């Protein structure tokens, strides 16, 4: 089971570092605000994490759902959207050191091609100074909204609705602050 917390960003900083502590989280932005859904076992931990990150928990309840006649679309980044009537959902799960290491080194074939940035990030993860999380983002919107300029980067999932549950995961470092940027958007 899961429960959703309504969030009100006040002075948000380091939100990514706090969310990585949860077993999994689903962040949903609607016109009404932002909700954080997590396991019932992690509810008190999530409440403390949100407060440490600089947001306020306003209510507890059910997670927002997609409106009727809306179509899911996949986004490949965490840039904030400026569009009304859209349900923007980000699924987050932390990566352990083994999986984070594999993802960081997956792109390079030989050791001398690996970038310095990847080595520094890997060192921070292995020392426990940084966290890594996997995420995927789904936007639910009406067809005419998906055709708008604001959602130009969205790829509608018309024929493969399974992408909502098992789509491609991307990863980010907690120190990059991508979820913080999404939350403040």
N, C-alpha and C. Protein backbone atom coordinates (compact mmCIF):
# COMPACT_ATOMS: atom_id res chain seq x y z
N UNK A 1 0.84 -1.18 0.00
CA UNK A 1 0.00 0.00 0.00
C UNK A 1 0.88 1.24 0.00
N UNK A 2 0.27 2.34 -0.40
CA UNK A 2 1.01 3.59 -0.43
C UNK A 2 0.11 4.74 -0.02
N UNK A 3 0.74 5.80 0.42
CA UNK A 3 0.05 7.00 0.85
C UNK A 3 0.72 8.19 0.19
N UNK A 4 -0.06 9.22 -0.09
CA UNK A 4 0.48 10.42 -0.73
C UNK A 4 0.50 11.58 0.24
N UNK A 5 1.55 12.36 0.19
CA UNK A 5 1.69 13.58 0.97
C UNK A 5 1.63 14.76 0.02
N UNK A 6 0.82 15.74 0.33
CA UNK A 6 0.79 16.99 -0.46
C UNK A 6 1.93 17.87 0.02
N UNK A 7 2.72 18.36 -0.93
CA UNK A 7 3.89 19.17 -0.60
C UNK A 7 3.68 20.62 -0.98
N UNK A 8 4.23 21.49 -0.16
CA UNK A 8 4.25 22.91 -0.47
C UNK A 8 5.69 23.38 -0.39
N UNK A 9 6.35 23.63 -1.52
CA UNK A 9 7.74 24.07 -1.49
C UNK A 9 7.87 25.44 -0.82
N UNK A 10 8.74 25.54 0.18
CA UNK A 10 8.96 26.80 0.88
C UNK A 10 10.34 27.34 0.52
N UNK A 11 11.37 26.66 0.99
CA UNK A 11 12.75 27.02 0.68
C UNK A 11 13.48 25.73 0.35
N UNK A 12 13.15 25.14 -0.78
CA UNK A 12 13.63 23.81 -1.12
C UNK A 12 15.10 23.84 -1.53
N UNK A 13 15.86 22.94 -0.93
CA UNK A 13 17.27 22.73 -1.27
C UNK A 13 17.60 21.28 -0.95
N UNK A 14 18.38 20.64 -1.78
CA UNK A 14 18.85 19.27 -1.57
C UNK A 14 17.69 18.27 -1.47
N UNK A 15 16.66 18.47 -2.25
CA UNK A 15 15.52 17.55 -2.25
C UNK A 15 15.92 16.17 -2.75
N UNK A 16 16.80 16.12 -3.73
CA UNK A 16 17.27 14.85 -4.30
C UNK A 16 17.93 13.98 -3.23
N UNK A 17 18.78 14.59 -2.42
CA UNK A 17 19.52 13.85 -1.40
C UNK A 17 18.58 13.24 -0.36
N UNK A 18 17.46 13.87 -0.11
CA UNK A 18 16.51 13.35 0.87
C UNK A 18 15.63 12.25 0.27
N UNK A 19 15.24 12.39 -0.97
CA UNK A 19 14.37 11.40 -1.61
C UNK A 19 15.10 10.08 -1.82
N UNK A 20 16.42 10.12 -1.99
CA UNK A 20 17.19 8.90 -2.21
C UNK A 20 17.10 7.96 -1.01
N UNK A 21 16.73 8.47 0.15
CA UNK A 21 16.63 7.64 1.36
C UNK A 21 15.40 6.72 1.35
N UNK A 22 14.42 7.02 0.51
CA UNK A 22 13.19 6.22 0.47
C UNK A 22 13.38 5.00 -0.43
N UNK A 23 12.62 3.94 -0.16
CA UNK A 23 12.70 2.72 -0.97
C UNK A 23 12.23 3.00 -2.40
N UNK A 24 11.18 3.77 -2.56
CA UNK A 24 10.72 4.25 -3.86
C UNK A 24 9.81 5.44 -3.60
N UNK A 25 9.65 6.27 -4.60
CA UNK A 25 8.77 7.43 -4.48
C UNK A 25 8.18 7.75 -5.84
N UNK A 26 6.96 8.29 -5.80
CA UNK A 26 6.33 8.78 -7.02
C UNK A 26 5.91 10.22 -6.74
N UNK A 27 6.49 11.14 -7.49
CA UNK A 27 6.17 12.56 -7.37
C UNK A 27 5.20 12.93 -8.48
N UNK A 28 4.12 13.59 -8.13
CA UNK A 28 3.11 13.95 -9.11
C UNK A 28 2.79 15.43 -9.00
N UNK A 29 2.93 16.13 -10.12
CA UNK A 29 2.58 17.56 -10.17
C UNK A 29 1.29 17.72 -10.99
N UNK A 30 0.33 18.40 -10.40
CA UNK A 30 -0.91 18.75 -11.08
C UNK A 30 -1.10 20.26 -10.95
N UNK A 31 -2.22 20.76 -11.46
CA UNK A 31 -2.52 22.18 -11.29
C UNK A 31 -2.75 22.52 -9.82
N UNK A 32 -3.12 21.52 -9.01
CA UNK A 32 -3.39 21.74 -7.59
C UNK A 32 -2.13 21.76 -6.74
N UNK A 33 -1.04 21.23 -7.21
CA UNK A 33 0.20 21.20 -6.44
C UNK A 33 0.98 19.92 -6.68
N UNK A 34 1.86 19.60 -5.74
CA UNK A 34 2.75 18.45 -5.85
C UNK A 34 2.43 17.46 -4.75
N UNK A 35 2.42 16.18 -5.11
CA UNK A 35 2.19 15.11 -4.14
C UNK A 35 3.35 14.14 -4.20
N UNK A 36 3.71 13.59 -3.05
CA UNK A 36 4.74 12.58 -2.93
C UNK A 36 4.09 11.32 -2.42
N UNK A 37 4.18 10.25 -3.21
CA UNK A 37 3.61 8.96 -2.82
C UNK A 37 4.76 8.01 -2.50
N UNK A 38 4.62 7.28 -1.40
CA UNK A 38 5.65 6.33 -1.00
C UNK A 38 4.99 5.17 -0.25
N UNK A 39 5.80 4.19 0.14
CA UNK A 39 5.28 3.07 0.92
C UNK A 39 4.77 3.56 2.26
N UNK A 40 3.79 2.87 2.80
CA UNK A 40 3.28 3.24 4.12
C UNK A 40 4.36 3.13 5.19
N UNK A 41 5.28 2.18 5.04
CA UNK A 41 6.37 2.01 6.00
C UNK A 41 7.32 3.20 5.99
N UNK A 42 7.43 3.88 4.86
CA UNK A 42 8.35 5.02 4.72
C UNK A 42 7.67 6.36 4.94
N UNK A 43 6.43 6.37 5.39
CA UNK A 43 5.67 7.62 5.50
C UNK A 43 6.30 8.60 6.48
N UNK A 44 6.69 8.14 7.66
CA UNK A 44 7.31 9.06 8.63
C UNK A 44 8.68 9.52 8.14
N UNK A 45 9.44 8.61 7.53
CA UNK A 45 10.74 8.96 6.96
C UNK A 45 10.56 9.99 5.84
N UNK A 46 9.55 9.81 5.01
CA UNK A 46 9.28 10.76 3.92
C UNK A 46 8.90 12.13 4.46
N UNK A 47 8.09 12.15 5.51
CA UNK A 47 7.71 13.42 6.11
C UNK A 47 8.92 14.18 6.64
N UNK A 48 9.81 13.48 7.32
CA UNK A 48 11.03 14.12 7.83
C UNK A 48 11.95 14.55 6.69
N UNK A 49 12.05 13.73 5.65
CA UNK A 49 12.90 14.06 4.51
C UNK A 49 12.40 15.31 3.80
N UNK A 50 11.10 15.42 3.64
CA UNK A 50 10.51 16.59 2.98
C UNK A 50 10.77 17.85 3.81
N UNK A 51 10.63 17.73 5.11
CA UNK A 51 10.89 18.88 5.98
C UNK A 51 12.36 19.29 5.94
N UNK A 52 13.27 18.31 5.95
CA UNK A 52 14.70 18.63 5.87
C UNK A 52 15.05 19.28 4.54
N UNK A 53 14.33 18.93 3.49
CA UNK A 53 14.61 19.50 2.17
C UNK A 53 14.04 20.89 2.00
N UNK A 54 13.20 21.34 2.92
CA UNK A 54 12.67 22.70 2.85
C UNK A 54 11.27 22.81 2.28
N UNK A 55 10.50 21.74 2.33
CA UNK A 55 9.11 21.78 1.88
C UNK A 55 8.22 21.49 3.08
N UNK A 56 6.96 21.80 2.95
CA UNK A 56 6.00 21.60 4.01
C UNK A 56 4.98 20.57 3.57
N UNK A 57 4.61 19.67 4.47
CA UNK A 57 3.57 18.69 4.19
C UNK A 57 2.24 19.32 4.61
N UNK A 58 1.30 19.43 3.67
CA UNK A 58 0.03 20.07 3.98
C UNK A 58 -1.05 19.06 4.33
N UNK A 59 -1.22 18.00 3.56
CA UNK A 59 -2.24 17.00 3.83
C UNK A 59 -1.73 15.62 3.46
N UNK A 60 -2.43 14.62 3.91
CA UNK A 60 -2.14 13.24 3.56
C UNK A 60 -3.40 12.65 2.94
N UNK A 61 -3.25 11.85 1.91
CA UNK A 61 -4.41 11.24 1.27
C UNK A 61 -4.02 10.38 0.11
N UNK A 62 -4.91 10.32 -0.87
CA UNK A 62 -4.66 9.52 -2.06
C UNK A 62 -3.86 10.33 -3.08
N UNK A 63 -3.14 9.61 -3.92
CA UNK A 63 -2.35 10.25 -4.98
C UNK A 63 -3.27 10.76 -6.08
N UNK A 64 -2.90 11.85 -6.73
CA UNK A 64 -3.69 12.34 -7.86
C UNK A 64 -3.68 11.34 -9.01
N UNK A 65 -4.74 11.32 -9.76
CA UNK A 65 -4.84 10.42 -10.90
C UNK A 65 -4.93 11.21 -12.19
N UNK A 66 -4.70 10.53 -13.29
CA UNK A 66 -4.76 11.18 -14.60
C UNK A 66 -6.21 11.45 -14.97
N UNK A 67 -6.48 12.57 -15.61
CA UNK A 67 -7.86 12.87 -16.02
C UNK A 67 -8.33 11.94 -17.13
N UNK A 68 -9.63 11.86 -17.28
CA UNK A 68 -10.21 11.02 -18.33
C UNK A 68 -9.80 11.53 -19.70
N UNK A 69 -9.67 10.61 -20.64
CA UNK A 69 -9.30 10.90 -22.03
C UNK A 69 -7.91 11.50 -22.18
N UNK A 70 -7.05 11.23 -21.23
CA UNK A 70 -5.68 11.73 -21.36
C UNK A 70 -4.78 10.61 -21.88
N UNK A 71 -3.69 10.99 -22.49
CA UNK A 71 -2.75 10.05 -23.11
C UNK A 71 -1.42 10.18 -22.38
N UNK A 72 -0.77 9.05 -22.07
CA UNK A 72 0.56 9.14 -21.45
C UNK A 72 1.62 9.46 -22.49
N UNK A 73 2.62 10.20 -22.05
CA UNK A 73 3.76 10.52 -22.90
C UNK A 73 5.02 10.46 -22.04
N UNK A 74 6.11 10.08 -22.67
CA UNK A 74 7.39 9.92 -21.97
C UNK A 74 8.24 11.16 -22.20
N UNK A 75 8.88 11.62 -21.14
CA UNK A 75 9.84 12.72 -21.25
C UNK A 75 11.20 12.21 -20.81
N UNK A 76 12.26 12.64 -21.48
CA UNK A 76 13.61 12.15 -21.22
C UNK A 76 14.43 13.08 -20.36
N UNK A 77 13.82 14.11 -19.78
CA UNK A 77 14.55 15.01 -18.90
C UNK A 77 13.65 15.41 -17.73
N UNK A 78 14.21 16.12 -16.78
CA UNK A 78 13.45 16.57 -15.61
C UNK A 78 13.28 18.09 -15.61
N UNK A 79 13.26 18.68 -16.79
CA UNK A 79 13.04 20.12 -16.87
C UNK A 79 11.59 20.42 -16.53
N UNK A 80 11.35 21.51 -15.80
CA UNK A 80 9.97 21.86 -15.43
C UNK A 80 9.11 22.19 -16.65
N UNK A 81 7.83 21.85 -16.57
CA UNK A 81 6.87 22.14 -17.64
C UNK A 81 6.02 23.34 -17.26
N UNK A 82 5.68 24.13 -18.22
CA UNK A 82 4.77 25.26 -18.01
C UNK A 82 3.52 25.01 -18.84
N UNK A 83 2.65 24.13 -18.33
CA UNK A 83 1.48 23.74 -19.10
C UNK A 83 0.34 23.38 -18.13
N UNK A 84 -0.84 23.95 -18.36
CA UNK A 84 -1.99 23.66 -17.51
C UNK A 84 -2.68 22.37 -17.96
N UNK A 85 -3.34 21.70 -17.02
CA UNK A 85 -4.11 20.51 -17.33
C UNK A 85 -3.27 19.26 -17.55
N UNK A 86 -2.02 19.27 -17.10
CA UNK A 86 -1.11 18.15 -17.29
C UNK A 86 -0.82 17.51 -15.94
N UNK A 87 -0.79 16.19 -15.91
CA UNK A 87 -0.37 15.46 -14.73
C UNK A 87 1.04 14.94 -15.01
N UNK A 88 2.01 15.49 -14.31
CA UNK A 88 3.42 15.20 -14.51
C UNK A 88 3.89 14.28 -13.39
N UNK A 89 4.30 13.06 -13.73
CA UNK A 89 4.66 12.05 -12.74
C UNK A 89 6.10 11.61 -12.93
N UNK A 90 6.85 11.58 -11.83
CA UNK A 90 8.23 11.11 -11.84
C UNK A 90 8.34 9.96 -10.84
N UNK A 91 8.78 8.80 -11.32
CA UNK A 91 9.00 7.62 -10.49
C UNK A 91 10.48 7.59 -10.13
N UNK A 92 10.79 7.44 -8.85
CA UNK A 92 12.17 7.48 -8.38
C UNK A 92 12.45 6.26 -7.51
N UNK A 93 13.63 5.68 -7.71
CA UNK A 93 14.10 4.62 -6.81
C UNK A 93 15.61 4.77 -6.65
N UNK A 94 16.11 4.55 -5.44
CA UNK A 94 17.55 4.70 -5.23
C UNK A 94 18.32 3.54 -5.85
N UNK A 95 19.55 3.82 -6.22
CA UNK A 95 20.44 2.79 -6.74
C UNK A 95 21.52 2.51 -5.69
N UNK A 96 21.81 1.24 -5.48
CA UNK A 96 22.91 0.92 -4.58
C UNK A 96 24.23 1.15 -5.32
N UNK A 97 25.33 0.99 -4.58
CA UNK A 97 26.65 1.28 -5.16
C UNK A 97 26.95 0.41 -6.37
N UNK A 98 26.56 -0.85 -6.31
CA UNK A 98 26.84 -1.77 -7.41
C UNK A 98 26.14 -1.34 -8.69
N UNK A 99 24.85 -1.05 -8.59
CA UNK A 99 24.09 -0.66 -9.78
C UNK A 99 24.51 0.72 -10.28
N UNK A 100 24.81 1.65 -9.37
CA UNK A 100 25.27 2.98 -9.78
C UNK A 100 26.61 2.89 -10.51
N UNK A 101 27.50 2.04 -10.02
CA UNK A 101 28.79 1.85 -10.68
C UNK A 101 28.61 1.29 -12.08
N UNK A 102 27.75 0.30 -12.21
CA UNK A 102 27.51 -0.30 -13.52
C UNK A 102 26.93 0.72 -14.49
N UNK A 103 26.03 1.57 -14.02
CA UNK A 103 25.43 2.56 -14.92
C UNK A 103 26.42 3.64 -15.32
N UNK A 104 27.28 4.04 -14.40
CA UNK A 104 28.26 5.07 -14.73
C UNK A 104 29.29 4.58 -15.75
N UNK A 105 29.68 3.30 -15.66
CA UNK A 105 30.72 2.78 -16.54
C UNK A 105 30.18 2.10 -17.79
N UNK A 106 28.88 2.01 -17.92
CA UNK A 106 28.29 1.28 -19.05
C UNK A 106 28.66 1.87 -20.40
N UNK A 107 28.73 3.19 -20.51
CA UNK A 107 28.95 3.82 -21.81
C UNK A 107 30.36 3.70 -22.35
N UNK A 108 31.34 3.63 -21.48
CA UNK A 108 32.72 3.60 -21.95
C UNK A 108 33.20 2.17 -22.15
N UNK A 109 33.90 1.92 -23.24
CA UNK A 109 34.36 0.56 -23.56
C UNK A 109 35.75 0.28 -22.99
N UNK A 110 36.58 1.30 -22.93
CA UNK A 110 37.92 1.10 -22.40
C UNK A 110 38.19 2.14 -21.31
N UNK A 111 39.12 1.85 -20.44
CA UNK A 111 39.33 2.70 -19.28
C UNK A 111 39.85 4.09 -19.63
N UNK A 112 40.61 4.27 -20.72
CA UNK A 112 41.14 5.59 -21.03
C UNK A 112 40.11 6.51 -21.68
N UNK A 113 38.97 5.96 -22.12
CA UNK A 113 37.92 6.79 -22.70
C UNK A 113 37.04 7.40 -21.61
N UNK A 114 36.99 6.80 -20.45
CA UNK A 114 36.12 7.28 -19.38
C UNK A 114 36.46 8.72 -19.01
N UNK A 115 35.42 9.49 -18.85
CA UNK A 115 35.62 10.91 -18.57
C UNK A 115 35.99 11.13 -17.10
N UNK A 116 36.64 12.23 -16.83
CA UNK A 116 37.04 12.56 -15.47
C UNK A 116 35.80 12.75 -14.60
N UNK A 117 34.77 13.36 -15.17
CA UNK A 117 33.54 13.59 -14.41
C UNK A 117 32.95 12.28 -13.89
N UNK A 118 32.97 11.25 -14.71
CA UNK A 118 32.45 9.95 -14.29
C UNK A 118 33.29 9.34 -13.17
N UNK A 119 34.60 9.52 -13.25
CA UNK A 119 35.46 8.98 -12.20
C UNK A 119 35.22 9.70 -10.88
N UNK A 120 35.05 11.02 -10.93
CA UNK A 120 34.78 11.79 -9.71
C UNK A 120 33.43 11.40 -9.13
N UNK A 121 32.43 11.25 -9.97
CA UNK A 121 31.10 10.84 -9.50
C UNK A 121 31.14 9.45 -8.89
N UNK A 122 31.84 8.55 -9.52
CA UNK A 122 31.95 7.19 -9.01
C UNK A 122 32.64 7.18 -7.65
N UNK A 123 33.69 7.94 -7.52
CA UNK A 123 34.41 8.01 -6.24
C UNK A 123 33.49 8.55 -5.15
N UNK A 124 32.68 9.56 -5.45
CA UNK A 124 31.76 10.12 -4.45
C UNK A 124 30.69 9.11 -4.05
N UNK A 125 30.20 8.33 -4.99
CA UNK A 125 29.19 7.32 -4.66
C UNK A 125 29.78 6.22 -3.79
N UNK A 126 30.96 5.74 -4.15
CA UNK A 126 31.59 4.66 -3.39
C UNK A 126 32.00 5.10 -1.99
N UNK A 127 32.28 6.37 -1.81
CA UNK A 127 32.64 6.88 -0.48
C UNK A 127 31.41 7.27 0.34
N UNK A 128 30.25 7.24 -0.26
CA UNK A 128 29.03 7.60 0.45
C UNK A 128 28.77 9.10 0.51
N UNK A 129 29.51 9.89 -0.27
CA UNK A 129 29.33 11.33 -0.28
C UNK A 129 28.22 11.78 -1.23
N UNK A 130 27.76 10.89 -2.09
CA UNK A 130 26.72 11.23 -3.06
C UNK A 130 25.83 10.00 -3.25
N UNK A 131 24.61 10.25 -3.66
CA UNK A 131 23.68 9.16 -3.94
C UNK A 131 23.30 9.16 -5.41
N UNK A 132 22.79 8.05 -5.86
CA UNK A 132 22.39 7.91 -7.25
C UNK A 132 20.98 7.32 -7.26
N UNK A 133 20.14 7.81 -8.16
CA UNK A 133 18.79 7.28 -8.24
C UNK A 133 18.39 7.09 -9.70
N UNK A 134 17.51 6.13 -9.91
CA UNK A 134 16.92 5.89 -11.23
C UNK A 134 15.58 6.60 -11.27
N UNK A 135 15.22 7.13 -12.41
CA UNK A 135 13.94 7.82 -12.54
C UNK A 135 13.38 7.60 -13.94
N UNK A 136 12.07 7.73 -14.02
CA UNK A 136 11.39 7.78 -15.31
C UNK A 136 10.22 8.73 -15.15
N UNK A 137 9.90 9.42 -16.23
CA UNK A 137 8.91 10.49 -16.17
C UNK A 137 7.81 10.25 -17.19
N UNK A 138 6.58 10.30 -16.72
CA UNK A 138 5.40 10.14 -17.56
C UNK A 138 4.52 11.38 -17.39
N UNK A 139 4.07 11.91 -18.50
CA UNK A 139 3.16 13.06 -18.49
C UNK A 139 1.84 12.60 -19.06
N UNK A 140 0.75 12.89 -18.36
CA UNK A 140 -0.60 12.57 -18.84
C UNK A 140 -1.25 13.88 -19.27
N UNK A 141 -1.70 13.92 -20.52
CA UNK A 141 -2.33 15.14 -21.05
C UNK A 141 -3.32 14.77 -22.15
N UNK A 142 -4.18 15.71 -22.46
CA UNK A 142 -5.12 15.52 -23.58
C UNK A 142 -4.36 15.63 -24.90
N UNK A 143 -4.88 15.03 -25.96
CA UNK A 143 -4.15 15.04 -27.24
C UNK A 143 -3.81 16.44 -27.74
N UNK A 144 -4.72 17.40 -27.63
CA UNK A 144 -4.42 18.74 -28.13
C UNK A 144 -3.33 19.41 -27.29
N UNK A 145 -3.23 19.06 -26.01
CA UNK A 145 -2.16 19.61 -25.17
C UNK A 145 -0.82 18.98 -25.53
N UNK A 146 -0.82 17.69 -25.86
CA UNK A 146 0.43 17.04 -26.26
C UNK A 146 0.98 17.60 -27.56
N UNK A 147 0.12 18.14 -28.40
CA UNK A 147 0.58 18.74 -29.65
C UNK A 147 1.07 20.17 -29.47
N UNK A 148 0.95 20.72 -28.28
CA UNK A 148 1.34 22.11 -28.05
C UNK A 148 2.85 22.26 -28.00
N UNK A 149 3.30 23.47 -28.09
CA UNK A 149 4.73 23.77 -28.09
C UNK A 149 5.37 23.46 -26.73
N UNK A 150 4.61 23.58 -25.66
CA UNK A 150 5.15 23.34 -24.31
C UNK A 150 5.56 21.89 -24.11
N UNK A 151 4.91 20.96 -24.81
CA UNK A 151 5.22 19.53 -24.66
C UNK A 151 5.87 18.97 -25.91
N UNK A 152 6.67 19.75 -26.56
CA UNK A 152 7.32 19.34 -27.80
C UNK A 152 8.22 18.11 -27.60
N UNK A 153 8.85 17.99 -26.44
CA UNK A 153 9.79 16.89 -26.21
C UNK A 153 9.11 15.60 -25.76
N UNK A 154 7.80 15.63 -25.53
CA UNK A 154 7.08 14.45 -25.06
C UNK A 154 6.83 13.48 -26.20
N UNK A 155 7.06 12.19 -25.93
CA UNK A 155 6.79 11.12 -26.90
C UNK A 155 5.55 10.37 -26.45
N UNK A 156 4.42 10.56 -27.11
CA UNK A 156 3.18 9.89 -26.70
C UNK A 156 3.30 8.37 -26.78
N UNK A 157 2.72 7.71 -25.81
CA UNK A 157 2.73 6.24 -25.75
C UNK A 157 1.36 5.74 -26.19
N UNK A 158 1.12 5.76 -27.48
CA UNK A 158 -0.19 5.41 -28.02
C UNK A 158 -0.32 3.90 -28.19
N UNK A 159 0.66 3.27 -28.78
CA UNK A 159 0.56 1.84 -29.07
C UNK A 159 1.14 0.96 -27.97
N UNK A 160 2.06 1.50 -27.18
CA UNK A 160 2.69 0.73 -26.11
C UNK A 160 2.38 1.38 -24.77
N UNK A 161 1.23 1.06 -24.21
CA UNK A 161 0.85 1.64 -22.92
C UNK A 161 1.64 1.03 -21.77
N UNK A 162 2.36 -0.04 -22.03
CA UNK A 162 3.18 -0.66 -21.01
C UNK A 162 4.36 0.20 -20.58
N UNK A 163 4.68 1.23 -21.36
CA UNK A 163 5.78 2.12 -21.02
C UNK A 163 5.49 2.87 -19.72
N UNK A 164 4.24 2.98 -19.35
CA UNK A 164 3.88 3.65 -18.11
C UNK A 164 4.40 2.87 -16.91
N UNK A 165 4.31 1.56 -16.95
CA UNK A 165 4.72 0.72 -15.83
C UNK A 165 6.16 0.23 -15.92
N UNK A 166 6.67 0.06 -17.12
CA UNK A 166 8.00 -0.54 -17.26
C UNK A 166 8.86 0.20 -18.29
N UNK A 167 8.75 1.49 -18.32
CA UNK A 167 9.52 2.27 -19.28
C UNK A 167 10.99 2.33 -18.94
N UNK A 168 11.74 2.91 -19.85
CA UNK A 168 13.19 3.02 -19.69
C UNK A 168 13.52 3.94 -18.52
N UNK A 169 14.43 3.49 -17.68
CA UNK A 169 14.87 4.30 -16.55
C UNK A 169 16.14 5.06 -16.92
N UNK A 170 16.21 6.27 -16.45
CA UNK A 170 17.42 7.06 -16.57
C UNK A 170 17.98 7.22 -15.16
N UNK A 171 19.18 7.69 -15.03
CA UNK A 171 19.70 7.86 -13.69
C UNK A 171 20.31 9.25 -13.54
N UNK A 172 20.38 9.68 -12.29
CA UNK A 172 20.95 10.99 -11.97
C UNK A 172 21.63 10.90 -10.61
N UNK A 173 22.56 11.79 -10.39
CA UNK A 173 23.22 11.89 -9.11
C UNK A 173 22.42 12.85 -8.22
N UNK A 174 22.38 12.57 -6.94
CA UNK A 174 21.64 13.43 -6.02
C UNK A 174 22.25 14.83 -5.96
N UNK A 175 23.54 14.93 -6.15
CA UNK A 175 24.21 16.23 -6.08
C UNK A 175 23.86 17.13 -7.26
N UNK A 176 23.32 16.58 -8.33
CA UNK A 176 22.98 17.39 -9.51
C UNK A 176 21.73 18.24 -9.29
N UNK A 177 20.85 17.85 -8.38
CA UNK A 177 19.68 18.66 -8.05
C UNK A 177 18.59 18.68 -9.11
N UNK A 178 18.49 17.65 -9.93
CA UNK A 178 17.48 17.64 -10.99
C UNK A 178 16.06 17.55 -10.43
N UNK A 179 15.85 16.77 -9.37
CA UNK A 179 14.51 16.69 -8.77
C UNK A 179 14.14 18.00 -8.07
N UNK A 180 15.11 18.66 -7.50
CA UNK A 180 14.86 19.96 -6.87
C UNK A 180 14.39 20.97 -7.93
N UNK A 181 15.04 20.95 -9.08
CA UNK A 181 14.63 21.84 -10.17
C UNK A 181 13.22 21.50 -10.64
N UNK A 182 12.91 20.21 -10.75
CA UNK A 182 11.57 19.79 -11.16
C UNK A 182 10.54 20.24 -10.13
N UNK A 183 10.84 20.10 -8.86
CA UNK A 183 9.91 20.47 -7.80
C UNK A 183 9.64 21.96 -7.78
N UNK A 184 10.65 22.77 -8.00
CA UNK A 184 10.49 24.22 -7.98
C UNK A 184 9.85 24.76 -9.24
N UNK A 185 9.84 23.94 -10.32
CA UNK A 185 9.31 24.37 -11.61
C UNK A 185 7.90 24.71 -11.54
